[in-house]
Every structure is written in structure tokens, then in C-alpha cells.
Amino acid sequence: MEKFREMVKIKDPSIYRNPVILQSEDLSKYILETAVYPREPEPLKELREINSSQPWGFIATSPDAGQLMALLLKLLNPKKTIEVGVFTGYSLLLTALNIPHDGKITAIDIDRKAYDIGLPVIKKAGVEHKIDFIESAALPILDKLLEDPANEGSFDFAFIDADKENYLNYHERLIKLIKIGGLLVYDNTLWGGRVSWPEEKVPPHTRSGRNAAIEFNKTITNDSRVEFSLTSVGDGLNICRRVA
């Protein structure tokens, strides 16, 4: 949390922007313009355009990753979901649009101001009633949820896009909250492709996140409680299905 607060003071946030994972910017552009933008719901398009005017807008969930998430949500049809890391709410809005009318999302983020940027779009889309936004660091909230045994195995879906250094801590808590058969989706797990770079070629300011992603992916590979797919969509989605 403190690290992020220091990051937002940086005059040029673009130094934290990850390169595209695919082999070229042109290919990424082709996928977005051919398959993603034409099907992007109007509220998501509006929020994406708002994000593009924000200095840190690039940290929002990429729309191609969002398109895959929307398919997963429609297949799963979850009624109780949780989101760790909200920013302006692109992924949150996407989830709200793709769960049932009586579905609920527990959304946790340290920055209410960022959430408020996207809130008018969420309200206009008619899905604010599905969202319980909690301004807080995530670990205390997850621990509090686990204090009530009734919460264990009660969530259908989780999306995580927060500080990468805590992904393993989030996973150990969320795996208890998600039901068997439920999904946990972790964003930025390929870290702009830098997970495959020699460390000496990785910019120093991105090494912490890159190393955390490497350790997280290795841990998930060895976690018998989940089936998973590490996909090269967006900035890398690690999609886990709880099986034990």
C-alpha cells in the first residue's frame, strides 16, 4: 500500500507501463480493433476512454482481458464475487454487467478517489446496487471475512489486480473463501513479458513486481488445490479453478 502511494507521486507514471506481451504492437491493435472494441459494451467503452485521460489509466484491466473475463462470468453465472484492487472500476463494472441482477461484489481498494472517477459510469449503467465498495488494504478485510466460518467456500468468483508482492498472501486467503468449482483470476501475471527476461535486462523499478509474478506463477503450478491456465491475454491472466 505504501509503495503504491509513493508511486503515484512520480511525475512520469509511464515508466511503470508494461510492454505488450504479443510479438508486436500491430498485432495487439489488430486484436483490439477486430475482436474487442466492436463488442465492448458502451459503459465499458466510456470508462476506458475516461481512463485514457488519467495519468495512471494504463493500470486498468485491458479490454481484451476483460472480454475473456466476461465469457468466464457468463459461463459461471456467479452470484457472490470478490475483487481485490479496483482502481477506477473497469473490471468491477465488467463483472457487475455480467452477473445476475441479484449478484453481489465485495470490492476492496485503498483508493476511494480512483473508484469515484468511474462511479458515475457505474451508476449510469444501473449496476451500483451490486457493489459493496470497501476502502481498505485487502488483507485485513480478507482476514475479517475468514473470521466467520460461514464465509468459507461461499464466493463463486474472485478477480485480483492489486499489489503483486501480496498475490501469494491474497491467494492463501481467497482459496478458502472461493467454493470448490469457483474461479480466481489474477491479472498482470506475465508482467509485460518480463517474467522471461534475464534479470539484468529488467528495469530496476519493475523488478519487484516481476519477481513477485515469477514466484506466484511457480507457486500456482505446484498448488494441487487448483486447476489453472496461465494465459497471454492482456498483461497475463492466471485463471485458477478451485478443485480442493
Protein backbone atom coordinates (compact mmCIF):
# COMPACT_ATOMS: atom_id res chain seq x y z
CA MET A 1 0.00 0.00 0.00
CA GLU A 2 2.73 2.46 0.97
CA LYS A 3 4.67 1.55 -2.16
CA PHE A 4 1.69 2.45 -4.35
CA ARG A 5 1.24 5.76 -2.56
CA GLU A 6 4.86 6.57 -3.34
CA MET A 7 4.41 5.50 -6.96
CA VAL A 8 1.51 7.86 -7.57
CA LYS A 9 3.76 10.81 -6.71
CA ILE A 10 6.02 10.03 -9.68
CA LYS A 11 5.96 12.74 -12.36
CA ASP A 12 6.10 10.24 -15.23
CA PRO A 13 3.93 7.19 -14.37
CA SER A 14 4.51 5.79 -17.86
CA ILE A 15 7.81 4.28 -16.69
CA TYR A 16 5.65 1.65 -14.97
CA ARG A 17 3.74 0.78 -18.15
CA ASN A 18 4.42 -2.81 -19.18
CA PRO A 19 5.24 -3.63 -22.82
CA VAL A 20 2.71 -5.68 -24.76
CA ILE A 21 3.13 -9.43 -24.40
CA LEU A 22 2.37 -10.25 -28.02
CA GLN A 23 5.02 -10.11 -30.70
CA SER A 24 4.05 -6.66 -31.94
CA GLU A 25 2.03 -3.55 -31.15
CA ASP A 26 0.35 -4.03 -34.52
CA LEU A 27 -0.92 -7.49 -33.57
CA SER A 28 -2.29 -6.20 -30.28
CA LYS A 29 -4.00 -3.36 -32.14
CA TYR A 30 -5.47 -5.83 -34.63
CA ILE A 31 -6.97 -7.99 -31.88
CA LEU A 32 -8.46 -4.99 -30.09
CA GLU A 33 -9.89 -3.34 -33.19
CA THR A 34 -11.13 -6.56 -34.81
CA ALA A 35 -12.46 -8.58 -31.91
CA VAL A 36 -12.68 -6.49 -28.75
CA TYR A 37 -13.73 -2.89 -29.35
CA PRO A 38 -16.65 -3.76 -31.71
CA ARG A 39 -18.24 -5.90 -28.95
CA GLU A 40 -17.28 -3.75 -25.95
CA PRO A 41 -20.42 -2.63 -24.08
CA GLU A 42 -20.96 1.13 -24.16
CA PRO A 43 -20.45 1.66 -20.39
CA LEU A 44 -17.08 -0.11 -20.54
CA LYS A 45 -16.07 1.91 -23.58
CA GLU A 46 -16.99 5.11 -21.76
CA LEU A 47 -14.93 4.15 -18.70
CA ARG A 48 -11.99 3.05 -20.86
CA GLU A 49 -11.99 6.45 -22.53
CA ILE A 50 -12.08 8.14 -19.12
CA ASN A 51 -9.10 6.01 -18.04
CA SER A 52 -7.15 7.06 -21.11
CA SER A 53 -7.18 10.64 -19.81
CA GLN A 54 -5.82 9.62 -16.39
CA PRO A 55 -2.04 9.58 -15.75
CA TRP A 56 -2.29 6.06 -14.31
CA GLY A 57 -5.06 4.92 -16.67
CA PHE A 58 -2.87 2.22 -18.18
CA ILE A 59 -3.04 0.15 -14.98
CA ALA A 60 -6.72 -0.59 -15.59
CA THR A 61 -7.68 -4.07 -16.79
CA SER A 62 -7.04 -4.34 -20.52
CA PRO A 63 -10.20 -4.70 -22.61
CA ASP A 64 -9.07 -7.97 -24.24
CA ALA A 65 -8.57 -9.49 -20.80
CA GLY A 66 -11.96 -8.07 -19.86
CA GLN A 67 -13.58 -9.78 -22.84
CA LEU A 68 -12.25 -13.16 -21.70
CA MET A 69 -13.42 -12.46 -18.13
CA ALA A 70 -16.90 -11.66 -19.40
CA LEU A 71 -17.10 -15.06 -21.08
CA LEU A 72 -15.94 -16.79 -17.89
CA LEU A 73 -18.51 -14.90 -15.83
CA LYS A 74 -21.32 -15.83 -18.19
CA LEU A 75 -20.30 -19.48 -18.06
CA LEU A 76 -20.01 -19.48 -14.27
CA ASN A 77 -23.05 -17.25 -13.59
CA PRO A 78 -21.74 -16.24 -10.14
CA LYS A 79 -23.92 -14.55 -7.55
CA LYS A 80 -21.25 -13.76 -4.97
CA THR A 81 -17.91 -12.37 -6.11
CA ILE A 82 -14.94 -10.52 -4.67
CA GLU A 83 -12.49 -8.09 -6.27
CA VAL A 84 -9.12 -7.11 -4.80
CA GLY A 85 -7.88 -3.93 -6.47
CA VAL A 86 -10.46 -1.73 -8.18
CA PHE A 87 -8.79 1.46 -9.49
CA THR A 88 -11.49 3.31 -11.48
CA GLY A 89 -13.61 0.19 -11.80
CA TYR A 90 -13.29 -1.16 -15.36
CA SER A 91 -13.11 -4.80 -14.24
CA LEU A 92 -15.62 -4.10 -11.48
CA LEU A 93 -18.12 -2.66 -13.95
CA LEU A 94 -17.48 -5.56 -16.30
CA THR A 95 -18.23 -8.05 -13.51
CA ALA A 96 -21.34 -6.17 -12.46
CA LEU A 97 -22.64 -6.21 -16.03
CA ASN A 98 -22.15 -9.97 -16.33
CA ILE A 99 -23.54 -11.35 -13.06
CA PRO A 100 -27.24 -11.78 -12.25
CA HIS A 101 -29.36 -8.81 -11.14
CA ASP A 102 -29.22 -10.02 -7.54
CA GLY A 103 -25.49 -10.78 -7.67
CA LYS A 104 -23.11 -9.06 -5.25
CA ILE A 105 -19.48 -7.94 -5.47
CA THR A 106 -17.27 -7.20 -2.48
CA ALA A 107 -14.81 -4.69 -3.94
CA ILE A 108 -11.69 -3.74 -1.97
CA ASP A 109 -9.26 -0.93 -2.77
CA ILE A 110 -7.13 1.54 -0.81
CA ASP A 111 -8.15 4.49 -3.00
CA ARG A 112 -11.75 5.67 -2.94
CA LYS A 113 -10.83 8.68 -5.11
CA ALA A 114 -9.93 6.44 -8.05
CA TYR A 115 -13.17 4.48 -7.65
CA ASP A 116 -15.14 7.72 -7.62
CA ILE A 117 -13.80 8.55 -11.10
CA GLY A 118 -15.64 5.58 -12.56
CA LEU A 119 -18.63 5.62 -10.22
CA PRO A 120 -20.81 7.90 -12.42
CA VAL A 121 -20.48 5.38 -15.26
CA ILE A 122 -21.31 2.51 -12.90
CA LYS A 123 -24.39 4.37 -11.69
CA LYS A 124 -25.49 5.18 -15.24
CA ALA A 125 -25.15 1.51 -16.16
CA GLY A 126 -27.61 0.66 -13.36
CA VAL A 127 -25.35 -1.78 -11.51
CA GLU A 128 -24.20 0.17 -8.44
CA HIS A 129 -26.60 -1.87 -6.25
CA LYS A 130 -24.47 -4.97 -6.88
CA ILE A 131 -21.30 -3.40 -5.43
CA ASP A 132 -20.13 -3.16 -1.83
CA PHE A 133 -17.02 -0.97 -2.07
CA ILE A 134 -14.64 -1.11 0.90
CA GLU A 135 -11.83 1.43 1.11
CA SER A 136 -9.09 -0.52 2.83
CA ALA A 137 -6.00 -2.61 2.38
CA ALA A 138 -7.21 -6.05 1.33
CA LEU A 139 -5.53 -8.38 3.81
CA PRO A 140 -7.39 -7.10 6.90
CA ILE A 141 -10.72 -7.39 5.09
CA LEU A 142 -9.99 -10.91 3.86
CA ASP A 143 -8.92 -11.93 7.36
CA LYS A 144 -12.11 -10.44 8.78
CA LEU A 145 -14.22 -12.38 6.28
CA LEU A 146 -12.47 -15.59 7.29
CA GLU A 147 -13.30 -14.98 10.95
CA ASP A 148 -16.85 -16.03 10.06
CA PRO A 149 -16.87 -19.73 9.09
CA ALA A 150 -20.00 -19.11 7.02
CA ASN A 151 -17.90 -17.17 4.50
CA GLU A 152 -15.60 -20.10 3.73
CA GLY A 153 -16.43 -21.53 0.33
CA SER A 154 -19.23 -19.01 -0.16
CA PHE A 155 -17.81 -16.94 -3.04
CA ASP A 156 -18.11 -18.04 -6.67
CA PHE A 157 -15.53 -15.80 -8.34
CA ALA A 158 -12.55 -13.61 -7.44
CA PHE A 159 -10.59 -11.12 -9.52
CA ILE A 160 -7.27 -9.86 -8.23
CA ASP A 161 -5.42 -6.86 -9.67
CA ALA A 162 -3.57 -5.29 -6.76
CA ASP A 163 -0.01 -5.20 -5.42
CA LYS A 164 1.76 -8.18 -6.93
CA GLU A 165 4.02 -8.66 -3.92
CA ASN A 166 0.93 -9.74 -1.94
CA TYR A 167 -0.55 -12.12 -4.53
CA LEU A 168 0.52 -15.18 -2.55
CA ASN A 169 -0.97 -13.72 0.64
CA TYR A 170 -4.21 -12.96 -1.18
CA HIS A 171 -4.29 -16.44 -2.71
CA GLU A 172 -3.97 -18.24 0.62
CA ARG A 173 -6.99 -16.35 1.93
CA LEU A 174 -9.10 -16.33 -1.21
CA ILE A 175 -8.70 -20.05 -1.82
CA LYS A 176 -10.60 -20.56 1.44
CA LEU A 177 -13.33 -18.09 0.51
CA ILE A 178 -13.94 -19.42 -3.01
CA LYS A 179 -16.11 -22.51 -3.32
CA ILE A 180 -14.88 -25.70 -4.98
CA GLY A 181 -15.54 -25.17 -8.67
CA GLY A 182 -15.21 -21.41 -8.33
CA LEU A 183 -12.68 -19.26 -10.19
CA LEU A 184 -9.84 -17.00 -9.09
CA VAL A 185 -8.43 -14.76 -11.83
CA TYR A 186 -5.12 -12.95 -11.26
CA ASP A 187 -4.07 -10.11 -13.57
CA ASN A 188 -0.56 -8.97 -14.61
CA THR A 189 1.00 -12.38 -14.07
CA LEU A 190 3.29 -12.11 -17.09
CA TRP A 191 4.39 -8.58 -16.18
CA GLY A 192 4.72 -7.32 -19.73
CA GLY A 193 6.63 -10.47 -20.69
CA ARG A 194 9.42 -9.54 -18.28
CA VAL A 195 8.95 -12.81 -16.38
CA SER A 196 11.02 -14.40 -19.17
CA TRP A 197 13.71 -11.70 -19.35
CA PRO A 198 17.15 -12.05 -17.78
CA GLU A 199 17.04 -10.03 -14.58
CA GLU A 200 19.81 -7.68 -15.70
CA LYS A 201 17.60 -6.55 -18.61
CA VAL A 202 14.62 -5.78 -16.38
CA PRO A 203 14.31 -2.08 -15.44
CA PRO A 204 15.08 -1.75 -11.72
CA HIS A 205 11.75 -0.12 -10.90
CA THR A 206 9.85 -3.14 -12.28
CA ARG A 207 11.94 -5.95 -10.77
CA SER A 208 9.93 -6.30 -7.57
CA GLY A 209 6.66 -6.89 -9.44
CA ARG A 210 8.37 -9.13 -11.99
CA ASN A 211 9.96 -11.30 -9.30
CA ALA A 212 6.66 -11.50 -7.41
CA ALA A 213 4.91 -12.67 -10.59
CA ILE A 214 7.54 -15.36 -11.18
CA GLU A 215 7.21 -16.64 -7.62
CA PHE A 216 3.41 -16.53 -7.78
CA ASN A 217 3.21 -18.47 -11.05
CA LYS A 218 5.64 -21.09 -9.73
CA THR A 219 3.54 -21.49 -6.58
CA ILE A 220 0.30 -21.87 -8.52
CA THR A 221 1.92 -24.54 -10.71
CA ASN A 222 2.60 -26.56 -7.56
CA ASP A 223 -0.76 -25.86 -5.89
CA SER A 224 -2.82 -29.06 -6.01
CA ARG A 225 -5.90 -27.16 -4.83
CA VAL A 226 -6.37 -25.57 -8.27
CA GLU A 227 -6.50 -26.31 -11.96
CA PHE A 228 -5.16 -23.34 -13.88
CA SER A 229 -4.24 -21.73 -17.16
CA LEU A 230 -1.59 -19.04 -17.48
CA THR A 231 -2.80 -17.07 -20.49
CA SER A 232 -1.06 -14.43 -22.59
CA VAL A 233 -4.14 -12.20 -22.72
CA GLY A 234 -3.78 -8.57 -21.65
CA ASP A 235 -0.82 -8.49 -19.28
CA GLY A 236 -1.19 -12.17 -18.44
CA LEU A 237 -4.19 -13.72 -16.70
CA ASN A 238 -3.61 -16.66 -14.37
CA ILE A 239 -7.02 -18.35 -14.27
CA CYS A 240 -7.46 -20.79 -11.40
CA ARG A 241 -10.34 -23.16 -10.68
CA ARG A 242 -10.52 -24.44 -7.13
CA VAL A 243 -10.74 -28.23 -7.03
CA ALA A 244 -9.87 -28.98 -3.40
